[in-house]
Amino acid sequence: MMTLEEAQHQVDCWIKKYGVRYFSELTNMAVLTEEVGELARVMSRKYGDQSFKEGEKDNIEDEIADVLWVLLCIANQTGVNVTEAFARNLEKKTQRDNTRHINNPKLQDHGEE
């Protein structure tokens, strides 16, 4: 298993060894949008109403990894420690939403009527 910190470091090492340099932050934001779109296409075909076109495949794992890769690139470029940021974000959500979703009638099991 790899931690987020290790993944962030692996991306940085790969970029420095094989990638020449990071794309600009704005280019990586555009690449992230592209990768999220590719994930959305697979999701809409696998879980939505669309079907796979000839030649398309269910590569959801690869598309999720592509999104994570670019996010880690952006984190590296902007000096964000993803492990620390995620821990802070989880704590924020826990404090803010600790009863919100539990008390949301829209999330209750609809089969109990």
PDB file of N, CA and C in Angstrom:
ATOM      1  N   MET A   1       0.833  -1.191   0.000  1.00  0.00           N
ATOM      2  CA  MET A   1       0.000   0.000   0.000  1.00  0.00           C
ATOM      3  C   MET A   1       0.877   1.253   0.000  1.00  0.00           C
ATOM      4  N   MET A   2       0.382   2.276  -0.629  1.00  0.00           N
ATOM      5  CA  MET A   2       1.106   3.540  -0.726  1.00  0.00           C
ATOM      6  C   MET A   2       0.279   4.626  -0.040  1.00  0.00           C
ATOM      7  N   THR A   3       0.924   5.446   0.753  1.00  0.00           N
ATOM      8  CA  THR A   3       0.238   6.565   1.381  1.00  0.00           C
ATOM      9  C   THR A   3       0.087   7.698   0.366  1.00  0.00           C
ATOM     10  N   LEU A   4      -0.753   8.667   0.689  1.00  0.00           N
ATOM     11  CA  LEU A   4      -0.875   9.846  -0.171  1.00  0.00           C
ATOM     12  C   LEU A   4       0.454  10.571  -0.274  1.00  0.00           C
ATOM     13  N   GLU A   5       1.160  10.661   0.846  1.00  0.00           N
ATOM     14  CA  GLU A   5       2.472  11.331   0.842  1.00  0.00           C
ATOM     15  C   GLU A   5       3.445  10.614  -0.092  1.00  0.00           C
ATOM     16  N   GLU A   6       3.445   9.289  -0.025  1.00  0.00           N
ATOM     17  CA  GLU A   6       4.321   8.515  -0.913  1.00  0.00           C
ATOM     18  C   GLU A   6       3.906   8.686  -2.375  1.00  0.00           C
ATOM     19  N   ALA A   7       2.608   8.699  -2.634  1.00  0.00           N
ATOM     20  CA  ALA A   7       2.127   8.884  -4.004  1.00  0.00           C
ATOM     21  C   ALA A   7       2.536  10.252  -4.536  1.00  0.00           C
ATOM     22  N   GLN A   8       2.407  11.265  -3.699  1.00  0.00           N
ATOM     23  CA  GLN A   8       2.789  12.613  -4.101  1.00  0.00           C
ATOM     24  C   GLN A   8       4.283  12.654  -4.432  1.00  0.00           C
ATOM     25  N   HIS A   9       5.100  11.991  -3.633  1.00  0.00           N
ATOM     26  CA  HIS A   9       6.531  11.936  -3.871  1.00  0.00           C
ATOM     27  C   HIS A   9       6.850  11.144  -5.147  1.00  0.00           C
ATOM     28  N   GLN A  10       6.154  10.029  -5.373  1.00  0.00           N
ATOM     29  CA  GLN A  10       6.386   9.214  -6.574  1.00  0.00           C
ATOM     30  C   GLN A  10       6.085  10.008  -7.842  1.00  0.00           C
ATOM     31  N   VAL A  11       4.997  10.771  -7.823  1.00  0.00           N
ATOM     32  CA  VAL A  11       4.654  11.608  -8.979  1.00  0.00           C
ATOM     33  C   VAL A  11       5.773  12.614  -9.236  1.00  0.00           C
ATOM     34  N   ASP A  12       6.253  13.259  -8.173  1.00  0.00           N
ATOM     35  CA  ASP A  12       7.313  14.248  -8.328  1.00  0.00           C
ATOM     36  C   ASP A  12       8.572  13.612  -8.908  1.00  0.00           C
ATOM     37  N   CYS A  13       8.946  12.441  -8.408  1.00  0.00           N
ATOM     38  CA  CYS A  13      10.130  11.738  -8.929  1.00  0.00           C
ATOM     39  C   CYS A  13       9.944  11.372 -10.397  1.00  0.00           C
ATOM     40  N   TRP A  14       8.766  10.900 -10.754  1.00  0.00           N
ATOM     41  CA  TRP A  14       8.508  10.504 -12.138  1.00  0.00           C
ATOM     42  C   TRP A  14       8.616  11.716 -13.063  1.00  0.00           C
ATOM     43  N   ILE A  15       7.987  12.810 -12.650  1.00  0.00           N
ATOM     44  CA  ILE A  15       8.032  14.027 -13.473  1.00  0.00           C
ATOM     45  C   ILE A  15       9.481  14.460 -13.687  1.00  0.00           C
ATOM     46  N   LYS A  16      10.265  14.455 -12.639  1.00  0.00           N
ATOM     47  CA  LYS A  16      11.652  14.900 -12.738  1.00  0.00           C
ATOM     48  C   LYS A  16      12.509  13.945 -13.567  1.00  0.00           C
ATOM     49  N   LYS A  17      12.172  12.655 -13.565  1.00  0.00           N
ATOM     50  CA  LYS A  17      12.967  11.678 -14.309  1.00  0.00           C
ATOM     51  C   LYS A  17      12.500  11.531 -15.750  1.00  0.00           C
ATOM     52  N   TYR A  18      11.189  11.487 -15.986  1.00  0.00           N
ATOM     53  CA  TYR A  18      10.664  11.186 -17.321  1.00  0.00           C
ATOM     54  C   TYR A  18       9.868  12.324 -17.961  1.00  0.00           C
ATOM     55  N   GLY A  19       9.358  13.211 -17.153  1.00  0.00           N
ATOM     56  CA  GLY A  19       8.439  14.215 -17.676  1.00  0.00           C
ATOM     57  C   GLY A  19       9.075  15.522 -18.083  1.00  0.00           C
ATOM     58  N   VAL A  20      10.372  15.650 -17.940  1.00  0.00           N
ATOM     59  CA  VAL A  20      11.130  16.865 -18.233  1.00  0.00           C
ATOM     60  C   VAL A  20      10.810  17.947 -17.197  1.00  0.00           C
ATOM     61  N   ARG A  21       9.556  18.345 -17.108  1.00  0.00           N
ATOM     62  CA  ARG A  21       9.108  19.324 -16.112  1.00  0.00           C
ATOM     63  C   ARG A  21       7.592  19.219 -15.994  1.00  0.00           C
ATOM     64  N   TYR A  22       7.060  19.825 -14.976  1.00  0.00           N
ATOM     65  CA  TYR A  22       5.603  19.894 -14.835  1.00  0.00           C
ATOM     66  C   TYR A  22       5.040  20.788 -15.936  1.00  0.00           C
ATOM     67  N   PHE A  23       3.860  20.456 -16.425  1.00  0.00           N
ATOM     68  CA  PHE A  23       3.113  21.412 -17.242  1.00  0.00           C
ATOM     69  C   PHE A  23       2.792  22.598 -16.334  1.00  0.00           C
ATOM     70  N   SER A  24       2.445  23.715 -16.918  1.00  0.00           N
ATOM     71  CA  SER A  24       2.056  24.857 -16.091  1.00  0.00           C
ATOM     72  C   SER A  24       0.825  24.489 -15.252  1.00  0.00           C
ATOM     73  N   GLU A  25       0.636  25.242 -14.183  1.00  0.00           N
ATOM     74  CA  GLU A  25      -0.515  24.981 -13.305  1.00  0.00           C
ATOM     75  C   GLU A  25      -1.826  25.082 -14.081  1.00  0.00           C
ATOM     76  N   LEU A  26      -1.939  26.078 -14.936  1.00  0.00           N
ATOM     77  CA  LEU A  26      -3.169  26.255 -15.697  1.00  0.00           C
ATOM     78  C   LEU A  26      -3.365  25.115 -16.702  1.00  0.00           C
ATOM     79  N   THR A  27      -2.284  24.675 -17.335  1.00  0.00           N
ATOM     80  CA  THR A  27      -2.386  23.527 -18.240  1.00  0.00           C
ATOM     81  C   THR A  27      -2.826  22.297 -17.466  1.00  0.00           C
ATOM     82  N   ASN A  28      -2.239  22.073 -16.282  1.00  0.00           N
ATOM     83  CA  ASN A  28      -2.651  20.916 -15.496  1.00  0.00           C
ATOM     84  C   ASN A  28      -4.099  21.012 -15.045  1.00  0.00           C
ATOM     85  N   MET A  29      -4.601  22.218 -14.811  1.00  0.00           N
ATOM     86  CA  MET A  29      -6.023  22.368 -14.485  1.00  0.00           C
ATOM     87  C   MET A  29      -6.875  21.940 -15.667  1.00  0.00           C
ATOM     88  N   ALA A  30      -6.455  22.302 -16.875  1.00  0.00           N
ATOM     89  CA  ALA A  30      -7.178  21.881 -18.078  1.00  0.00           C
ATOM     90  C   ALA A  30      -7.088  20.363 -18.257  1.00  0.00           C
ATOM     91  N   VAL A  31      -5.899  19.798 -17.995  1.00  0.00           N
ATOM     92  CA  VAL A  31      -5.723  18.339 -18.099  1.00  0.00           C
ATOM     93  C   VAL A  31      -6.605  17.637 -17.072  1.00  0.00           C
ATOM     94  N   LEU A  32      -6.703  18.186 -15.860  1.00  0.00           N
ATOM     95  CA  LEU A  32      -7.571  17.600 -14.838  1.00  0.00           C
ATOM     96  C   LEU A  32      -9.020  17.584 -15.308  1.00  0.00           C
ATOM     97  N   THR A  33      -9.450  18.675 -15.898  1.00  0.00           N
ATOM     98  CA  THR A  33     -10.818  18.748 -16.422  1.00  0.00           C
ATOM     99  C   THR A  33     -11.038  17.684 -17.495  1.00  0.00           C
ATOM    100  N   GLU A  34     -10.056  17.513 -18.360  1.00  0.00           N
ATOM    101  CA  GLU A  34     -10.129  16.489 -19.401  1.00  0.00           C
ATOM    102  C   GLU A  34     -10.228  15.096 -18.780  1.00  0.00           C
ATOM    103  N   GLU A  35      -9.395  14.825 -17.787  1.00  0.00           N
ATOM    104  CA  GLU A  35      -9.399  13.502 -17.154  1.00  0.00           C
ATOM    105  C   GLU A  35     -10.711  13.234 -16.423  1.00  0.00           C
ATOM    106  N   VAL A  36     -11.268  14.244 -15.762  1.00  0.00           N
ATOM    107  CA  VAL A  36     -12.565  14.080 -15.096  1.00  0.00           C
ATOM    108  C   VAL A  36     -13.644  13.789 -16.142  1.00  0.00           C
ATOM    109  N   GLY A  37     -13.544  14.431 -17.305  1.00  0.00           N
ATOM    110  CA  GLY A  37     -14.488  14.156 -18.394  1.00  0.00           C
ATOM    111  C   GLY A  37     -14.387  12.723 -18.879  1.00  0.00           C
ATOM    112  N   GLU A  38     -13.171  12.204 -18.955  1.00  0.00           N
ATOM    113  CA  GLU A  38     -12.996  10.809 -19.371  1.00  0.00           C
ATOM    114  C   GLU A  38     -13.581   9.857 -18.334  1.00  0.00           C
ATOM    115  N   LEU A  39     -13.418  10.174 -17.059  1.00  0.00           N
ATOM    116  CA  LEU A  39     -14.027   9.375 -16.002  1.00  0.00           C
ATOM    117  C   LEU A  39     -15.554   9.464 -16.096  1.00  0.00           C
ATOM    118  N   ALA A  40     -16.065  10.651 -16.352  1.00  0.00           N
ATOM    119  CA  ALA A  40     -17.513  10.836 -16.479  1.00  0.00           C
ATOM    120  C   ALA A  40     -18.077  10.005 -17.634  1.00  0.00           C
ATOM    121  N   ARG A  41     -17.340   9.924 -18.739  1.00  0.00           N
ATOM    122  CA  ARG A  41     -17.801   9.129 -19.874  1.00  0.00           C
ATOM    123  C   ARG A  41     -17.942   7.660 -19.481  1.00  0.00           C
ATOM    124  N   VAL A  42     -16.946   7.127 -18.795  1.00  0.00           N
ATOM    125  CA  VAL A  42     -17.014   5.724 -18.379  1.00  0.00           C
ATOM    126  C   VAL A  42     -18.153   5.530 -17.373  1.00  0.00           C
ATOM    127  N   MET A  43     -18.294   6.459 -16.433  1.00  0.00           N
ATOM    128  CA  MET A  43     -19.363   6.355 -15.430  1.00  0.00           C
ATOM    129  C   MET A  43     -20.742   6.379 -16.082  1.00  0.00           C
ATOM    130  N   SER A  44     -20.915   7.255 -17.077  1.00  0.00           N
ATOM    131  CA  SER A  44     -22.229   7.356 -17.730  1.00  0.00           C
ATOM    132  C   SER A  44     -22.568   6.096 -18.518  1.00  0.00           C
ATOM    133  N   ARG A  45     -21.540   5.417 -19.003  1.00  0.00           N
ATOM    134  CA  ARG A  45     -21.787   4.184 -19.747  1.00  0.00           C
ATOM    135  C   ARG A  45     -21.956   2.990 -18.813  1.00  0.00           C
ATOM    136  N   LYS A  46     -21.231   2.977 -17.722  1.00  0.00           N
ATOM    137  CA  LYS A  46     -21.290   1.835 -16.801  1.00  0.00           C
ATOM    138  C   LYS A  46     -22.492   1.923 -15.856  1.00  0.00           C
ATOM    139  N   TYR A  47     -22.766   3.112 -15.333  1.00  0.00           N
ATOM    140  CA  TYR A  47     -23.811   3.274 -14.323  1.00  0.00           C
ATOM    141  C   TYR A  47     -25.009   4.082 -14.802  1.00  0.00           C
ATOM    142  N   GLY A  48     -24.860   4.772 -15.920  1.00  0.00           N
ATOM    143  CA  GLY A  48     -25.939   5.603 -16.427  1.00  0.00           C
ATOM    144  C   GLY A  48     -26.686   4.923 -17.557  1.00  0.00           C
ATOM    145  N   ASP A  49     -27.340   5.723 -18.340  1.00  0.00           N
ATOM    146  CA  ASP A  49     -28.216   5.210 -19.386  1.00  0.00           C
ATOM    147  C   ASP A  49     -27.515   4.993 -20.719  1.00  0.00           C
ATOM    148  N   GLN A  50     -26.274   5.430 -20.838  1.00  0.00           N
ATOM    149  CA  GLN A  50     -25.560   5.238 -22.093  1.00  0.00           C
ATOM    150  C   GLN A  50     -24.916   3.857 -22.128  1.00  0.00           C
ATOM    151  N   SER A  51     -24.624   3.399 -23.334  1.00  0.00           N
ATOM    152  CA  SER A  51     -23.915   2.127 -23.496  1.00  0.00           C
ATOM    153  C   SER A  51     -22.531   2.424 -24.069  1.00  0.00           C
ATOM    154  N   PHE A  52     -21.625   1.480 -23.880  1.00  0.00           N
ATOM    155  CA  PHE A  52     -20.278   1.641 -24.432  1.00  0.00           C
ATOM    156  C   PHE A  52     -20.344   1.586 -25.951  1.00  0.00           C
ATOM    157  N   LYS A  53     -19.605   2.464 -26.599  1.00  0.00           N
ATOM    158  CA  LYS A  53     -19.484   2.435 -28.051  1.00  0.00           C
ATOM    159  C   LYS A  53     -18.485   1.358 -28.428  1.00  0.00           C
ATOM    160  N   GLU A  54     -18.514   0.950 -29.665  1.00  0.00           N
ATOM    161  CA  GLU A  54     -17.558  -0.042 -30.127  1.00  0.00           C
ATOM    162  C   GLU A  54     -16.140   0.495 -29.927  1.00  0.00           C
ATOM    163  N   GLY A  55     -15.295  -0.309 -29.320  1.00  0.00           N
ATOM    164  CA  GLY A  55     -13.917   0.080 -29.063  1.00  0.00           C
ATOM    165  C   GLY A  55     -13.694   0.722 -27.705  1.00  0.00           C
ATOM    166  N   GLU A  56     -14.760   1.204 -27.066  1.00  0.00           N
ATOM    167  CA  GLU A  56     -14.626   1.762 -25.720  1.00  0.00           C
ATOM    168  C   GLU A  56     -14.578   0.623 -24.714  1.00  0.00           C
ATOM    169  N   LYS A  57     -13.906   0.882 -23.593  1.00  0.00           N
ATOM    170  CA  LYS A  57     -13.837  -0.157 -22.582  1.00  0.00           C
ATOM    171  C   LYS A  57     -14.090   0.427 -21.199  1.00  0.00           C
ATOM    172  N   ASP A  58     -14.438  -0.444 -20.285  1.00  0.00           N
ATOM    173  CA  ASP A  58     -14.647  -0.060 -18.897  1.00  0.00           C
ATOM    174  C   ASP A  58     -13.285  -0.005 -18.218  1.00  0.00           C
ATOM    175  N   ASN A  59     -12.676   1.168 -18.253  1.00  0.00           N
ATOM    176  CA  ASN A  59     -11.365   1.352 -17.643  1.00  0.00           C
ATOM    177  C   ASN A  59     -11.448   2.357 -16.501  1.00  0.00           C
ATOM    178  N   ILE A  60     -12.474   2.191 -15.686  1.00  0.00           N
ATOM    179  CA  ILE A  60     -12.745   3.144 -14.609  1.00  0.00           C
ATOM    180  C   ILE A  60     -11.562   3.278 -13.656  1.00  0.00           C
ATOM    181  N   GLU A  61     -10.884   2.176 -13.345  1.00  0.00           N
ATOM    182  CA  GLU A  61      -9.727   2.246 -12.442  1.00  0.00           C
ATOM    183  C   GLU A  61      -8.639   3.149 -13.015  1.00  0.00           C
ATOM    184  N   ASP A  62      -8.356   3.007 -14.293  1.00  0.00           N
ATOM    185  CA  ASP A  62      -7.329   3.815 -14.937  1.00  0.00           C
ATOM    186  C   ASP A  62      -7.729   5.288 -14.965  1.00  0.00           C
ATOM    187  N   GLU A  63      -9.005   5.558 -15.221  1.00  0.00           N
ATOM    188  CA  GLU A  63      -9.467   6.952 -15.278  1.00  0.00           C
ATOM    189  C   GLU A  63      -9.401   7.607 -13.901  1.00  0.00           C
ATOM    190  N   ILE A  64      -9.746   6.866 -12.850  1.00  0.00           N
ATOM    191  CA  ILE A  64      -9.636   7.410 -11.491  1.00  0.00           C
ATOM    192  C   ILE A  64      -8.170   7.690 -11.166  1.00  0.00           C
ATOM    193  N   ALA A  65      -7.287   6.775 -11.553  1.00  0.00           N
ATOM    194  CA  ALA A  65      -5.853   6.977 -11.315  1.00  0.00           C
ATOM    195  C   ALA A  65      -5.335   8.188 -12.082  1.00  0.00           C
ATOM    196  N   ASP A  66      -5.829   8.416 -13.302  1.00  0.00           N
ATOM    197  CA  ASP A  66      -5.422   9.592 -14.075  1.00  0.00           C
ATOM    198  C   ASP A  66      -5.826  10.878 -13.363  1.00  0.00           C
ATOM    199  N   VAL A  67      -7.043  10.913 -12.819  1.00  0.00           N
ATOM    200  CA  VAL A  67      -7.508  12.090 -12.077  1.00  0.00           C
ATOM    201  C   VAL A  67      -6.607  12.324 -10.864  1.00  0.00           C
ATOM    202  N   LEU A  68      -6.321  11.257 -10.118  1.00  0.00           N
ATOM    203  CA  LEU A  68      -5.472  11.382  -8.938  1.00  0.00           C
ATOM    204  C   LEU A  68      -4.071  11.871  -9.323  1.00  0.00           C
ATOM    205  N   TRP A  69      -3.529  11.344 -10.400  1.00  0.00           N
ATOM    206  CA  TRP A  69      -2.194  11.737 -10.868  1.00  0.00           C
ATOM    207  C   TRP A  69      -2.116  13.244 -11.077  1.00  0.00           C
ATOM    208  N   VAL A  70      -3.074  13.784 -11.817  1.00  0.00           N
ATOM    209  CA  VAL A  70      -3.033  15.216 -12.125  1.00  0.00           C
ATOM    210  C   VAL A  70      -3.277  16.040 -10.861  1.00  0.00           C
ATOM    211  N   LEU A  71      -4.153  15.583  -9.970  1.00  0.00           N
ATOM    212  CA  LEU A  71      -4.346  16.286  -8.701  1.00  0.00           C
ATOM    213  C   LEU A  71      -3.049  16.342  -7.901  1.00  0.00           C
ATOM    214  N   LEU A  72      -2.308  15.227  -7.902  1.00  0.00           N
ATOM    215  CA  LEU A  72      -1.039  15.210  -7.186  1.00  0.00           C
ATOM    216  C   LEU A  72      -0.016  16.123  -7.858  1.00  0.00           C
ATOM    217  N   CYS A  73      -0.045  16.202  -9.175  1.00  0.00           N
ATOM    218  CA  CYS A  73       0.831  17.158  -9.876  1.00  0.00           C
ATOM    219  C   CYS A  73       0.523  18.581  -9.440  1.00  0.00           C
ATOM    220  N   ILE A  74      -0.750  18.921  -9.426  1.00  0.00           N
ATOM    221  CA  ILE A  74      -1.154  20.280  -9.036  1.00  0.00           C
ATOM    222  C   ILE A  74      -0.768  20.543  -7.589  1.00  0.00           C
ATOM    223  N   ALA A  75      -0.942  19.565  -6.720  1.00  0.00           N
ATOM    224  CA  ALA A  75      -0.545  19.727  -5.314  1.00  0.00           C
ATOM    225  C   ALA A  75       0.954  19.989  -5.211  1.00  0.00           C
ATOM    226  N   ASN A  76       1.735  19.205  -5.938  1.00  0.00           N
ATOM    227  CA  ASN A  76       3.186  19.406  -5.912  1.00  0.00           C
ATOM    228  C   ASN A  76       3.562  20.797  -6.398  1.00  0.00           C
ATOM    229  N   GLN A  77       2.942  21.242  -7.457  1.00  0.00           N
ATOM    230  CA  GLN A  77       3.276  22.540  -8.034  1.00  0.00           C
ATOM    231  C   GLN A  77       2.909  23.703  -7.126  1.00  0.00           C
ATOM    232  N   THR A  78       1.859  23.524  -6.341  1.00  0.00           N
ATOM    233  CA  THR A  78       1.350  24.625  -5.522  1.00  0.00           C
ATOM    234  C   THR A  78       1.779  24.509  -4.069  1.00  0.00           C
ATOM    235  N   GLY A  79       2.613  23.501  -3.761  1.00  0.00           N
ATOM    236  CA  GLY A  79       3.138  23.354  -2.412  1.00  0.00           C
ATOM    237  C   GLY A  79       2.146  22.814  -1.400  1.00  0.00           C
ATOM    238  N   VAL A  80       1.158  22.072  -1.857  1.00  0.00           N
ATOM    239  CA  VAL A  80       0.151  21.511  -0.958  1.00  0.00           C
ATOM    240  C   VAL A  80       0.563  20.102  -0.542  1.00  0.00           C
ATOM    241  N   ASN A  81       0.615  19.859   0.761  1.00  0.00           N
ATOM    242  CA  ASN A  81       0.816  18.519   1.291  1.00  0.00           C
ATOM    243  C   ASN A  81      -0.564  17.871   1.352  1.00  0.00           C
ATOM    244  N   VAL A  82      -0.829  16.939   0.453  1.00  0.00           N
ATOM    245  CA  VAL A  82      -2.165  16.361   0.316  1.00  0.00           C
ATOM    246  C   VAL A  82      -2.590  15.623   1.590  1.00  0.00           C
ATOM    247  N   THR A  83      -1.670  14.948   2.240  1.00  0.00           N
ATOM    248  CA  THR A  83      -2.001  14.223   3.473  1.00  0.00           C
ATOM    249  C   THR A  83      -2.519  15.185   4.531  1.00  0.00           C
ATOM    250  N   GLU A  84      -1.797  16.277   4.741  1.00  0.00           N
ATOM    251  CA  GLU A  84      -2.207  17.266   5.739  1.00  0.00           C
ATOM    252  C   GLU A  84      -3.502  17.969   5.328  1.00  0.00           C
ATOM    253  N   ALA A  85      -3.603  18.326   4.067  1.00  0.00           N
ATOM    254  CA  ALA A  85      -4.801  19.015   3.586  1.00  0.00           C
ATOM    255  C   ALA A  85      -6.030  18.124   3.712  1.00  0.00           C
ATOM    256  N   PHE A  86      -5.869  16.837   3.385  1.00  0.00           N
ATOM    257  CA  PHE A  86      -6.999  15.912   3.474  1.00  0.00           C
ATOM    258  C   PHE A  86      -7.417  15.714   4.926  1.00  0.00           C
ATOM    259  N   ALA A  87      -6.452  15.591   5.832  1.00  0.00           N
ATOM    260  CA  ALA A  87      -6.777  15.430   7.252  1.00  0.00           C
ATOM    261  C   ALA A  87      -7.544  16.646   7.770  1.00  0.00           C
ATOM    262  N   ARG A  88      -7.109  17.847   7.417  1.00  0.00           N
ATOM    263  CA  ARG A  88      -7.816  19.068   7.824  1.00  0.00           C
ATOM    264  C   ARG A  88      -9.216  19.110   7.229  1.00  0.00           C
ATOM    265  N   ASN A  89      -9.329  18.707   5.963  1.00  0.00           N
ATOM    266  CA  ASN A  89     -10.623  18.730   5.290  1.00  0.00           C
ATOM    267  C   ASN A  89     -11.594  17.735   5.923  1.00  0.00           C
ATOM    268  N   LEU A  90     -11.092  16.558   6.273  1.00  0.00           N
ATOM    269  CA  LEU A  90     -11.925  15.547   6.931  1.00  0.00           C
ATOM    270  C   LEU A  90     -12.418  16.054   8.279  1.00  0.00           C
ATOM    271  N   GLU A  91     -11.541  16.685   9.033  1.00  0.00           N
ATOM    272  CA  GLU A  91     -11.929  17.245  10.327  1.00  0.00           C
ATOM    273  C   GLU A  91     -12.988  18.337  10.146  1.00  0.00           C
ATOM    274  N   LYS A  92     -12.807  19.198   9.156  1.00  0.00           N
ATOM    275  CA  LYS A  92     -13.780  20.261   8.878  1.00  0.00           C
ATOM    276  C   LYS A  92     -15.146  19.660   8.558  1.00  0.00           C
ATOM    277  N   LYS A  93     -15.160  18.656   7.690  1.00  0.00           N
ATOM    278  CA  LYS A  93     -16.422  18.022   7.312  1.00  0.00           C
ATOM    279  C   LYS A  93     -17.077  17.332   8.509  1.00  0.00           C
ATOM    280  N   THR A  94     -16.260  16.710   9.350  1.00  0.00           N
ATOM    281  CA  THR A  94     -16.789  16.023  10.522  1.00  0.00           C
ATOM    282  C   THR A  94     -17.441  17.004  11.471  1.00  0.00           C
ATOM    283  N   GLN A  95     -16.794  18.125  11.725  1.00  0.00           N
ATOM    284  CA  GLN A  95     -17.366  19.137  12.618  1.00  0.00           C
ATOM    285  C   GLN A  95     -18.615  19.774  12.012  1.00  0.00           C
ATOM    286  N   ARG A  96     -18.574  20.079  10.743  1.00  0.00           N
ATOM    287  CA  ARG A  96     -19.678  20.776  10.084  1.00  0.00           C
ATOM    288  C   ARG A  96     -20.875  19.873   9.837  1.00  0.00           C
ATOM    289  N   ASP A  97     -20.609  18.618   9.447  1.00  0.00           N
ATOM    290  CA  ASP A  97     -21.680  17.755   8.952  1.00  0.00           C
ATOM    291  C   ASP A  97     -21.932  16.526   9.824  1.00  0.00           C
ATOM    292  N   ASN A  98     -21.517  16.564  11.099  1.00  0.00           N
ATOM    293  CA  ASN A  98     -21.614  15.347  11.906  1.00  0.00           C
ATOM    294  C   ASN A  98     -23.047  14.870  12.123  1.00  0.00           C
ATOM    295  N   THR A  99     -24.050  15.723  11.970  1.00  0.00           N
ATOM    296  CA  THR A  99     -25.443  15.261  12.054  1.00  0.00           C
ATOM    297  C   THR A  99     -26.241  15.591  10.800  1.00  0.00           C
ATOM    298  N   ARG A 100     -25.678  16.382   9.934  1.00  0.00           N
ATOM    299  CA  ARG A 100     -26.412  16.857   8.751  1.00  0.00           C
ATOM    300  C   ARG A 100     -26.938  15.717   7.886  1.00  0.00           C
ATOM    301  N   HIS A 101     -26.080  14.779   7.535  1.00  0.00           N
ATOM    302  CA  HIS A 101     -26.492  13.708   6.627  1.00  0.00           C
ATOM    303  C   HIS A 101     -27.335  12.658   7.336  1.00  0.00           C
ATOM    304  N   ILE A 102     -27.031  12.404   8.590  1.00  0.00           N
ATOM    305  CA  ILE A 102     -27.816  11.441   9.364  1.00  0.00           C
ATOM    306  C   ILE A 102     -29.260  11.907   9.488  1.00  0.00           C
ATOM    307  N   ASN A 103     -29.459  13.218   9.615  1.00  0.00           N
ATOM    308  CA  ASN A 103     -30.800  13.779   9.777  1.00  0.00           C
ATOM    309  C   ASN A 103     -31.462  14.187   8.464  1.00  0.00           C
ATOM    310  N   ASN A 104     -30.832  13.896   7.354  1.00  0.00           N
ATOM    311  CA  ASN A 104     -31.392  14.261   6.052  1.00  0.00           C
ATOM    312  C   ASN A 104     -32.390  13.192   5.617  1.00  0.00           C
ATOM    313  N   PRO A 105     -33.683  13.530   5.571  1.00  0.00           N
ATOM    314  CA  PRO A 105     -34.680  12.524   5.186  1.00  0.00           C
ATOM    315  C   PRO A 105     -34.496  12.010   3.759  1.00  0.00           C
ATOM    316  N   LYS A 106     -33.837  12.789   2.911  1.00  0.00           N
ATOM    317  CA  LYS A 106     -33.602  12.349   1.531  1.00  0.00           C
ATOM    318  C   LYS A 106     -32.630  11.178   1.469  1.00  0.00           C
ATOM    319  N   LEU A 107     -31.823  10.999   2.513  1.00  0.00           N
ATOM    320  CA  LEU A 107     -30.832   9.926   2.516  1.00  0.00           C
ATOM    321  C   LEU A 107     -31.310   8.684   3.265  1.00  0.00           C
ATOM    322  N   GLN A 108     -32.502   8.764   3.829  1.00  0.00           N
ATOM    323  CA  GLN A 108     -33.024   7.609   4.568  1.00  0.00           C
ATOM    324  C   GLN A 108     -33.431   6.516   3.582  1.00  0.00           C
ATOM    325  N   ASP A 109     -33.406   5.303   4.050  1.00  0.00           N
ATOM    326  CA  ASP A 109     -33.771   4.148   3.216  1.00  0.00           C
ATOM    327  C   ASP A 109     -35.225   4.299   2.777  1.00  0.00           C
ATOM    328  N   HIS A 110     -35.427   4.346   1.482  1.00  0.00           N
ATOM    329  CA  HIS A 110     -36.784   4.515   0.935  1.00  0.00           C
ATOM    330  C   HIS A 110     -37.580   3.221   0.983  1.00  0.00           C
ATOM    331  N   GLY A 111     -36.966   2.112   1.342  1.00  0.00           N
ATOM    332  CA  GLY A 111     -37.649   0.824   1.385  1.00  0.00           C
ATOM    333  C   GLY A 111     -38.354   0.558   2.685  1.00  0.00           C
ATOM    334  N   GLU A 112     -38.292   1.485   3.644  1.00  0.00           N
ATOM    335  CA  GLU A 112     -38.865   1.267   4.973  1.00  0.00           C
ATOM    336  C   GLU A 112     -40.284   1.810   5.101  1.00  0.00           C
ATOM    337  N   GLU A 113     -40.970   2.105   4.034  1.00  0.00           N
ATOM    338  CA  GLU A 113     -42.285   2.731   4.117  1.00  0.00           C
ATOM    339  C   GLU A 113     -43.361   1.765   4.405  1.00  0.00           C
TER     340      GLU A 113
END
